[in-house]
PDB file of N, CA and C in Angstrom:
ATOM      1  N   MET A   1     113.200 102.418 120.068  1.00  0.00           N
ATOM      2  CA  MET A   1     112.960 100.814 119.671  1.00  0.00           C
ATOM      3  C   MET A   1     111.418 100.562 119.689  1.00  0.00           C
ATOM      4  N   SER A   2     111.551 100.671 121.164  1.00  0.00           N
ATOM      5  CA  SER A   2     109.862 100.562 121.590  1.00  0.00           C
ATOM      6  C   SER A   2     109.074 101.322 120.931  1.00  0.00           C
ATOM      7  N   LEU A   3     109.290 102.837 121.021  1.00  0.00           N
ATOM      8  CA  LEU A   3     108.627 103.382 120.674  1.00  0.00           C
ATOM      9  C   LEU A   3     107.836 103.275 118.984  1.00  0.00           C
ATOM     10  N   TYR A   4     108.586 102.591 117.779  1.00  0.00           N
ATOM     11  CA  TYR A   4     108.469 102.617 116.629  1.00  0.00           C
ATOM     12  C   TYR A   4     107.791 101.303 116.559  1.00  0.00           C
ATOM     13  N   GLU A   5     108.128 100.390 117.191  1.00  0.00           N
ATOM     14  CA  GLU A   5     107.180  98.802 117.077  1.00  0.00           C
ATOM     15  C   GLU A   5     105.686  99.231 117.977  1.00  0.00           C
ATOM     16  N   ALA A   6     105.655  99.420 119.023  1.00  0.00           N
ATOM     17  CA  ALA A   6     104.112 100.300 119.299  1.00  0.00           C
ATOM     18  C   ALA A   6     103.428 101.075 118.330  1.00  0.00           C
ATOM     19  N   LEU A   7     103.969 102.140 117.582  1.00  0.00           N
ATOM     20  CA  LEU A   7     103.389 102.586 116.583  1.00  0.00           C
ATOM     21  C   LEU A   7     103.388 101.737 115.254  1.00  0.00           C
ATOM     22  N   ASP A   8     103.767 100.985 115.121  1.00  0.00           N
ATOM     23  CA  ASP A   8     103.600  99.830 114.065  1.00  0.00           C
ATOM     24  C   ASP A   8     102.257  99.375 113.482  1.00  0.00           C
ATOM     25  N   GLY A   9     101.241  99.038 114.609  1.00  0.00           N
ATOM     26  CA  GLY A   9     100.043  98.976 114.306  1.00  0.00           C
ATOM     27  C   GLY A   9      98.939 100.126 114.696  1.00  0.00           C
ATOM     28  N   LEU A  10      99.429 101.433 114.651  1.00  0.00           N
ATOM     29  CA  LEU A  10      98.516 102.245 114.538  1.00  0.00           C
ATOM     30  C   LEU A  10      97.907 102.623 113.299  1.00  0.00           C
ATOM     31  N   ASP A  11      96.452 103.185 113.693  1.00  0.00           N
ATOM     32  CA  ASP A  11      95.689 103.150 112.553  1.00  0.00           C
ATOM     33  C   ASP A  11      95.334 104.342 112.495  1.00  0.00           C
ATOM     34  N   GLY A  12      96.009 105.175 112.060  1.00  0.00           N
ATOM     35  CA  GLY A  12      95.779 106.658 112.497  1.00  0.00           C
ATOM     36  C   GLY A  12      94.313 107.121 111.727  1.00  0.00           C
ATOM     37  N   ALA A  13      93.827 106.460 110.559  1.00  0.00           N
ATOM     38  CA  ALA A  13      92.537 107.170 110.016  1.00  0.00           C
ATOM     39  C   ALA A  13      91.573 106.585 111.431  1.00  0.00           C
ATOM     40  N   ALA A  14      91.781 105.486 112.022  1.00  0.00           N
ATOM     41  CA  ALA A  14      90.780 105.417 112.830  1.00  0.00           C
ATOM     42  C   ALA A  14      90.860 106.415 114.185  1.00  0.00           C
ATOM     43  N   ALA A  15      92.134 106.772 114.542  1.00  0.00           N
ATOM     44  CA  ALA A  15      92.414 107.828 115.518  1.00  0.00           C
ATOM     45  C   ALA A  15      92.143 108.817 115.169  1.00  0.00           C
ATOM     46  N   GLN A  16      91.991 109.531 114.171  1.00  0.00           N
ATOM     47  CA  GLN A  16      91.517 111.068 113.795  1.00  0.00           C
ATOM     48  C   GLN A  16      89.659 110.861 114.543  1.00  0.00           C
ATOM     49  N   VAL A  17      89.098 110.024 114.149  1.00  0.00           N
ATOM     50  CA  VAL A  17      87.654 110.340 114.423  1.00  0.00           C
ATOM     51  C   VAL A  17      87.485 110.270 115.711  1.00  0.00           C
ATOM     52  N   ARG A  18      88.903 110.046 116.903  1.00  0.00           N
ATOM     53  CA  ARG A  18      88.902 109.986 118.419  1.00  0.00           C
ATOM     54  C   ARG A  18      89.081 111.311 118.878  1.00  0.00           C
ATOM     55  N   ILE A  19      89.507 112.146 118.020  1.00  0.00           N
ATOM     56  CA  ILE A  19      90.003 113.507 118.303  1.00  0.00           C
ATOM     57  C   ILE A  19      89.148 114.313 118.239  1.00  0.00           C
ATOM     58  N   PRO A  20      88.526 115.161 119.477  1.00  0.00           N
ATOM     59  CA  PRO A  20      87.362 116.114 119.554  1.00  0.00           C
ATOM     60  C   PRO A  20      87.587 117.232 118.466  1.00  0.00           C
ATOM     61  N   ASP A  21      86.265 117.628 118.215  1.00  0.00           N
ATOM     62  CA  ASP A  21      86.182 118.711 117.020  1.00  0.00           C
ATOM     63  C   ASP A  21      86.798 119.966 117.424  1.00  0.00           C
ATOM     64  N   ARG A  22      86.846 120.320 119.174  1.00  0.00           N
ATOM     65  CA  ARG A  22      86.863 121.243 119.492  1.00  0.00           C
ATOM     66  C   ARG A  22      88.780 121.278 120.045  1.00  0.00           C
ATOM     67  N   LEU A  23      89.103 120.447 119.864  1.00  0.00           N
ATOM     68  CA  LEU A  23      90.604 120.437 119.909  1.00  0.00           C
ATOM     69  C   LEU A  23      91.436 121.135 118.704  1.00  0.00           C
ATOM     70  N   GLU A  24      92.598 121.659 118.328  1.00  0.00           N
ATOM     71  CA  GLU A  24      93.062 122.432 117.106  1.00  0.00           C
ATOM     72  C   GLU A  24      94.006 121.293 116.718  1.00  0.00           C
ATOM     73  N   ARG A  25      94.418 121.044 116.078  1.00  0.00           N
ATOM     74  CA  ARG A  25      95.129 119.849 114.963  1.00  0.00           C
ATOM     75  C   ARG A  25      96.308 120.929 114.409  1.00  0.00           C
ATOM     76  N   LEU A  26      97.673 120.430 114.672  1.00  0.00           N
ATOM     77  CA  LEU A  26      98.813 121.182 114.638  1.00  0.00           C
ATOM     78  C   LEU A  26      99.964 120.443 114.063  1.00  0.00           C
ATOM     79  N   CYS A  27     100.534 120.668 113.155  1.00  0.00           N
ATOM     80  CA  CYS A  27     101.192 120.143 112.681  1.00  0.00           C
ATOM     81  C   CYS A  27     102.636 120.803 112.034  1.00  0.00           C
ATOM     82  N   ILE A  28     103.464 120.694 112.871  1.00  0.00           N
ATOM     83  CA  ILE A  28     105.017 121.629 112.297  1.00  0.00           C
ATOM     84  C   ILE A  28     106.090 120.828 112.030  1.00  0.00           C
ATOM     85  N   VAL A  29     106.831 120.905 111.306  1.00  0.00           N
ATOM     86  CA  VAL A  29     107.815 119.900 110.809  1.00  0.00           C
ATOM     87  C   VAL A  29     108.884 121.185 109.774  1.00  0.00           C
ATOM     88  N   GLY A  30     109.923 120.695 110.026  1.00  0.00           N
ATOM     89  CA  GLY A  30     110.962 121.590 109.006  1.00  0.00           C
ATOM     90  C   GLY A  30     111.214 120.750 107.803  1.00  0.00           C
ATOM     91  N   SER A  31     111.207 121.373 107.185  1.00  0.00           N
ATOM     92  CA  SER A  31     111.569 120.597 105.736  1.00  0.00           C
ATOM     93  C   SER A  31     112.991 119.637 105.255  1.00  0.00           C
ATOM     94  N   ASN A  32     113.655 119.822 105.967  1.00  0.00           N
ATOM     95  CA  ASN A  32     114.578 119.058 106.383  1.00  0.00           C
ATOM     96  C   ASN A  32     114.443 118.200 107.497  1.00  0.00           C
ATOM     97  N   ASP A  33     113.979 117.671 108.186  1.00  0.00           N
ATOM     98  CA  ASP A  33     113.922 117.081 109.378  1.00  0.00           C
ATOM     99  C   ASP A  33     113.937 115.226 109.257  1.00  0.00           C
ATOM    100  N   GLU A  34     115.210 114.919 109.756  1.00  0.00           N
ATOM    101  CA  GLU A  34     115.786 113.767 109.298  1.00  0.00           C
ATOM    102  C   GLU A  34     116.146 113.450 110.462  1.00  0.00           C
ATOM    103  N   ILE A  35     116.509 112.469 110.741  1.00  0.00           N
ATOM    104  CA  ILE A  35     117.276 111.962 111.803  1.00  0.00           C
ATOM    105  C   ILE A  35     117.761 110.533 110.885  1.00  0.00           C
ATOM    106  N   ARG A  36     119.173 110.524 111.133  1.00  0.00           N
ATOM    107  CA  ARG A  36     120.164 109.584 110.748  1.00  0.00           C
ATOM    108  C   ARG A  36     120.930 108.947 111.643  1.00  0.00           C
ATOM    109  N   TYR A  37     120.195 107.686 111.455  1.00  0.00           N
ATOM    110  CA  TYR A  37     120.896 106.626 113.123  1.00  0.00           C
ATOM    111  C   TYR A  37     122.451 106.033 112.327  1.00  0.00           C
ATOM    112  N   GLY A  38     123.131 105.638 113.389  1.00  0.00           N
ATOM    113  CA  GLY A  38     124.564 105.276 112.517  1.00  0.00           C
ATOM    114  C   GLY A  38     124.226 104.028 112.186  1.00  0.00           C
ATOM    115  N   PRO A  39     125.901 103.468 112.336  1.00  0.00           N
ATOM    116  CA  PRO A  39     126.055 102.037 112.317  1.00  0.00           C
ATOM    117  C   PRO A  39     125.397 100.987 113.019  1.00  0.00           C
ATOM    118  N   THR A  40     125.275 101.300 114.183  1.00  0.00           N
ATOM    119  CA  THR A  40     124.886 100.495 115.124  1.00  0.00           C
ATOM    120  C   THR A  40     123.102 100.070 115.090  1.00  0.00           C
ATOM    121  N   TRP A  41     122.708 101.267 114.464  1.00  0.00           N
ATOM    122  CA  TRP A  41     121.102 100.996 113.946  1.00  0.00           C
ATOM    123  C   TRP A  41     120.902 100.959 112.405  1.00  0.00           C
ATOM    124  N   GLY A  42     122.186 100.433 111.923  1.00  0.00           N
ATOM    125  CA  GLY A  42     121.878 100.066 110.517  1.00  0.00           C
ATOM    126  C   GLY A  42     121.918 101.194 109.687  1.00  0.00           C
ATOM    127  N   ASP A  43     122.472 102.491 109.978  1.00  0.00           N
ATOM    128  CA  ASP A  43     122.130 103.684 109.246  1.00  0.00           C
ATOM    129  C   ASP A  43     121.068 103.972 109.055  1.00  0.00           C
ATOM    130  N   MET A  44     119.919 103.687 109.668  1.00  0.00           N
ATOM    131  CA  MET A  44     118.848 103.693 109.106  1.00  0.00           C
ATOM    132  C   MET A  44     118.371 105.663 108.801  1.00  0.00           C
ATOM    133  N   LEU A  45     117.674 105.732 108.119  1.00  0.00           N
ATOM    134  CA  LEU A  45     117.099 107.694 108.271  1.00  0.00           C
ATOM    135  C   LEU A  45     115.798 107.558 108.111  1.00  0.00           C
ATOM    136  N   LEU A  46     115.527 108.246 108.869  1.00  0.00           N
ATOM    137  CA  LEU A  46     114.060 108.319 109.657  1.00  0.00           C
ATOM    138  C   LEU A  46     113.789 109.623 109.159  1.00  0.00           C
ATOM    139  N   SER A  47     112.412 109.764 108.049  1.00  0.00           N
ATOM    140  CA  SER A  47     112.481 110.790 107.410  1.00  0.00           C
ATOM    141  C   SER A  47     111.309 111.654 108.181  1.00  0.00           C
ATOM    142  N   ILE A  48     111.101 112.328 109.006  1.00  0.00           N
ATOM    143  CA  ILE A  48     109.588 112.717 109.665  1.00  0.00           C
ATOM    144  C   ILE A  48     109.051 113.966 108.268  1.00  0.00           C
ATOM    145  N   ALA A  49     109.948 114.638 107.755  1.00  0.00           N
ATOM    146  CA  ALA A  49     109.525 115.732 107.010  1.00  0.00           C
ATOM    147  C   ALA A  49     108.713 115.176 105.403  1.00  0.00           C
ATOM    148  N   ASP A  50     109.324 114.071 104.835  1.00  0.00           N
ATOM    149  CA  ASP A  50     108.380 113.406 103.673  1.00  0.00           C
ATOM    150  C   ASP A  50     107.134 112.919 104.065  1.00  0.00           C
ATOM    151  N   PRO A  51     106.993 112.022 104.972  1.00  0.00           N
ATOM    152  CA  PRO A  51     105.288 111.869 105.317  1.00  0.00           C
ATOM    153  C   PRO A  51     104.391 113.052 105.068  1.00  0.00           C
ATOM    154  N   VAL A  52     104.906 114.044 105.621  1.00  0.00           N
ATOM    155  CA  VAL A  52     104.184 115.291 106.341  1.00  0.00           C
ATOM    156  C   VAL A  52     103.633 116.273 105.171  1.00  0.00           C
ATOM    157  N   VAL A  53     104.975 116.349 104.280  1.00  0.00           N
ATOM    158  CA  VAL A  53     104.542 116.862 102.871  1.00  0.00           C
ATOM    159  C   VAL A  53     104.115 116.061 101.936  1.00  0.00           C
ATOM    160  N   CYS A  54     104.278 114.771 101.710  1.00  0.00           N
ATOM    161  CA  CYS A  54     103.360 113.727 100.995  1.00  0.00           C
ATOM    162  C   CYS A  54     101.940 113.768 101.211  1.00  0.00           C
ATOM    163  N   ASN A  55     101.390 114.117 102.378  1.00  0.00           N
ATOM    164  CA  ASN A  55     100.039 114.109 102.821  1.00  0.00           C
ATOM    165  C   ASN A  55      99.708 115.059 103.389  1.00  0.00           C
ATOM    166  N   ARG A  56     100.193 116.135 102.962  1.00  0.00           N
ATOM    167  CA  ARG A  56      99.707 117.954 103.217  1.00  0.00           C
ATOM    168  C   ARG A  56      98.467 117.587 103.200  1.00  0.00           C
ATOM    169  N   MET A  57      97.739 117.571 101.965  1.00  0.00           N
ATOM    170  CA  MET A  57      96.612 117.887 101.637  1.00  0.00           C
ATOM    171  C   MET A  57      95.468 117.009 102.458  1.00  0.00           C
ATOM    172  N   GLU A  58      96.162 115.948 102.679  1.00  0.00           N
ATOM    173  CA  GLU A  58      95.053 114.655 103.491  1.00  0.00           C
ATOM    174  C   GLU A  58      94.861 115.427 104.620  1.00  0.00           C
ATOM    175  N   LEU A  59      96.025 115.802 105.258  1.00  0.00           N
ATOM    176  CA  LEU A  59      95.906 116.167 106.696  1.00  0.00           C
ATOM    177  C   LEU A  59      95.402 117.592 106.850  1.00  0.00           C
ATOM    178  N   GLU A  60      95.404 118.477 106.049  1.00  0.00           N
ATOM    179  CA  GLU A  60      94.246 119.474 105.899  1.00  0.00           C
ATOM    180  C   GLU A  60      92.956 119.004 105.604  1.00  0.00           C
ATOM    181  N   ARG A  61      92.658 118.104 104.818  1.00  0.00           N
ATOM    182  CA  ARG A  61      91.485 117.771 104.558  1.00  0.00           C
ATOM    183  C   ARG A  61      90.412 117.428 105.992  1.00  0.00           C
ATOM    184  N   LEU A  62      91.830 116.936 106.604  1.00  0.00           N
ATOM    185  CA  LEU A  62      90.981 116.591 108.453  1.00  0.00           C
ATOM    186  C   LEU A  62      91.190 117.541 108.888  1.00  0.00           C
ATOM    187  N   SER A  63      90.956 118.661 108.868  1.00  0.00           N
ATOM    188  CA  SER A  63      91.204 119.832 109.950  1.00  0.00           C
ATOM    189  C   SER A  63      93.026 120.174 110.505  1.00  0.00           C
ATOM    190  N   TRP A  64      93.799 119.830 109.578  1.00  0.00           N
ATOM    191  CA  TRP A  64      95.036 119.784 110.256  1.00  0.00           C
ATOM    192  C   TRP A  64      95.641 121.099 110.180  1.00  0.00           C
ATOM    193  N   ASP A  65      96.346 121.658 110.577  1.00  0.00           N
ATOM    194  CA  ASP A  65      96.945 123.438 110.217  1.00  0.00           C
ATOM    195  C   ASP A  65      98.369 122.767 109.921  1.00  0.00           C
ATOM    196  N   VAL A  66      98.511 122.618 108.959  1.00  0.00           N
ATOM    197  CA  VAL A  66     100.148 122.443 108.642  1.00  0.00           C
ATOM    198  C   VAL A  66     100.996 123.155 108.292  1.00  0.00           C
ATOM    199  N   HIS A  67     102.225 123.114 108.892  1.00  0.00           N
ATOM    200  CA  HIS A  67     103.338 124.262 108.736  1.00  0.00           C
ATOM    201  C   HIS A  67     105.018 123.631 108.489  1.00  0.00           C
ATOM    202  N   VAL A  68     105.118 123.847 107.119  1.00  0.00           N
ATOM    203  CA  VAL A  68     106.593 123.444 106.805  1.00  0.00           C
ATOM    204  C   VAL A  68     107.386 124.218 106.879  1.00  0.00           C
ATOM    205  N   LEU A  69     108.690 124.039 107.700  1.00  0.00           N
ATOM    206  CA  LEU A  69     109.327 125.340 108.262  1.00  0.00           C
ATOM    207  C   LEU A  69     110.557 125.109 107.141  1.00  0.00           C
ATOM    208  N   ASP A  70     110.550 125.742 105.883  1.00  0.00           N
ATOM    209  CA  ASP A  70     111.791 125.706 105.125  1.00  0.00           C
ATOM    210  C   ASP A  70     113.111 125.824 105.218  1.00  0.00           C
ATOM    211  N   GLY A  71     113.791 124.460 104.864  1.00  0.00           N
ATOM    212  CA  GLY A  71     115.027 124.436 105.393  1.00  0.00           C
ATOM    213  C   GLY A  71     115.937 123.737 106.710  1.00  0.00           C
ATOM    214  N   LEU A  72     114.457 124.166 107.729  1.00  0.00           N
ATOM    215  CA  LEU A  72     114.791 123.533 109.073  1.00  0.00           C
ATOM    216  C   LEU A  72     114.915 122.180 109.145  1.00  0.00           C
ATOM    217  N   ASP A  73     116.336 121.910 110.287  1.00  0.00           N
ATOM    218  CA  ASP A  73     116.025 120.586 110.483  1.00  0.00           C
ATOM    219  C   ASP A  73     115.399 119.995 111.446  1.00  0.00           C
ATOM    220  N   TYR A  74     115.638 119.499 112.163  1.00  0.00           N
ATOM    221  CA  TYR A  74     114.789 118.673 113.084  1.00  0.00           C
ATOM    222  C   TYR A  74     114.803 119.496 114.624  1.00  0.00           C
ATOM    223  N   THR A  75     116.100 119.919 114.923  1.00  0.00           N
ATOM    224  CA  THR A  75     116.158 120.387 115.964  1.00  0.00           C
ATOM    225  C   THR A  75     115.988 121.963 115.803  1.00  0.00           C
ATOM    226  N   ALA A  76     116.566 122.591 114.882  1.00  0.00           N
ATOM    227  CA  ALA A  76     116.055 123.979 114.529  1.00  0.00           C
ATOM    228  C   ALA A  76     114.265 123.964 114.416  1.00  0.00           C
ATOM    229  N   ALA A  77     113.793 122.760 113.936  1.00  0.00           N
ATOM    230  CA  ALA A  77     111.784 123.352 113.882  1.00  0.00           C
ATOM    231  C   ALA A  77     111.900 123.213 115.127  1.00  0.00           C
ATOM    232  N   MET A  78     111.959 122.213 116.257  1.00  0.00           N
ATOM    233  CA  MET A  78     111.857 122.486 117.432  1.00  0.00           C
ATOM    234  C   MET A  78     111.699 124.130 118.129  1.00  0.00           C
ATOM    235  N   HIS A  79     112.771 124.329 117.579  1.00  0.00           N
ATOM    236  CA  HIS A  79     113.022 125.452 118.812  1.00  0.00           C
ATOM    237  C   HIS A  79     112.542 126.692 117.880  1.00  0.00           C
TER     238      HIS A  79
END
């Protein structure tokens, strides 16, 4: 929870300009990359894939190399 609360106010656009041009920008995500939390956490669904897929063109415009691994979930994409 602390991580998500800390990221709540993050300004991604402002952070982009702080990444030096010499550093590569790589984003890898499985197309089924989702984490479903149980009843203790309100049955919340955290989709990691959707924001990447929906914003892929913008990420690529910002020089990110985006790879969506078809059919892989969170764990499979990490491997």
